[in-house]
């Protein structure tokens, strides 16, 4: 099993998403559902880190990013094989310009 590390940008957006669902939309059930599905998805990734599709961008990326879809959001991560770790780089609304969120080479 791989360790999951949520990097600061991903953690900040994750918290913003949960707060937005619970407080702005006044829908705590949607927030709980998102948290539950995110936990389930990351648990699957911890066991099978290559199970999600690779993200292909128009330019060369710093890492081989993979994407996990959770509701209307996408979780970008890369696999650190040397340390048997999954690095969650970003969590974002799936319909925005996603390439701009990831590190270029």
Foldseek 3Di string as FASTA:
>chain_A
DAAEAEDDQAVVVLVVVLCCCCPVVVHNVVSVQQVVQVVVQVVVCLVVVPPFDWDDDPAAAPARWGWDDGPQKIWIWHADPVRRHIYTQHIGGNPDPPVVSGHHD
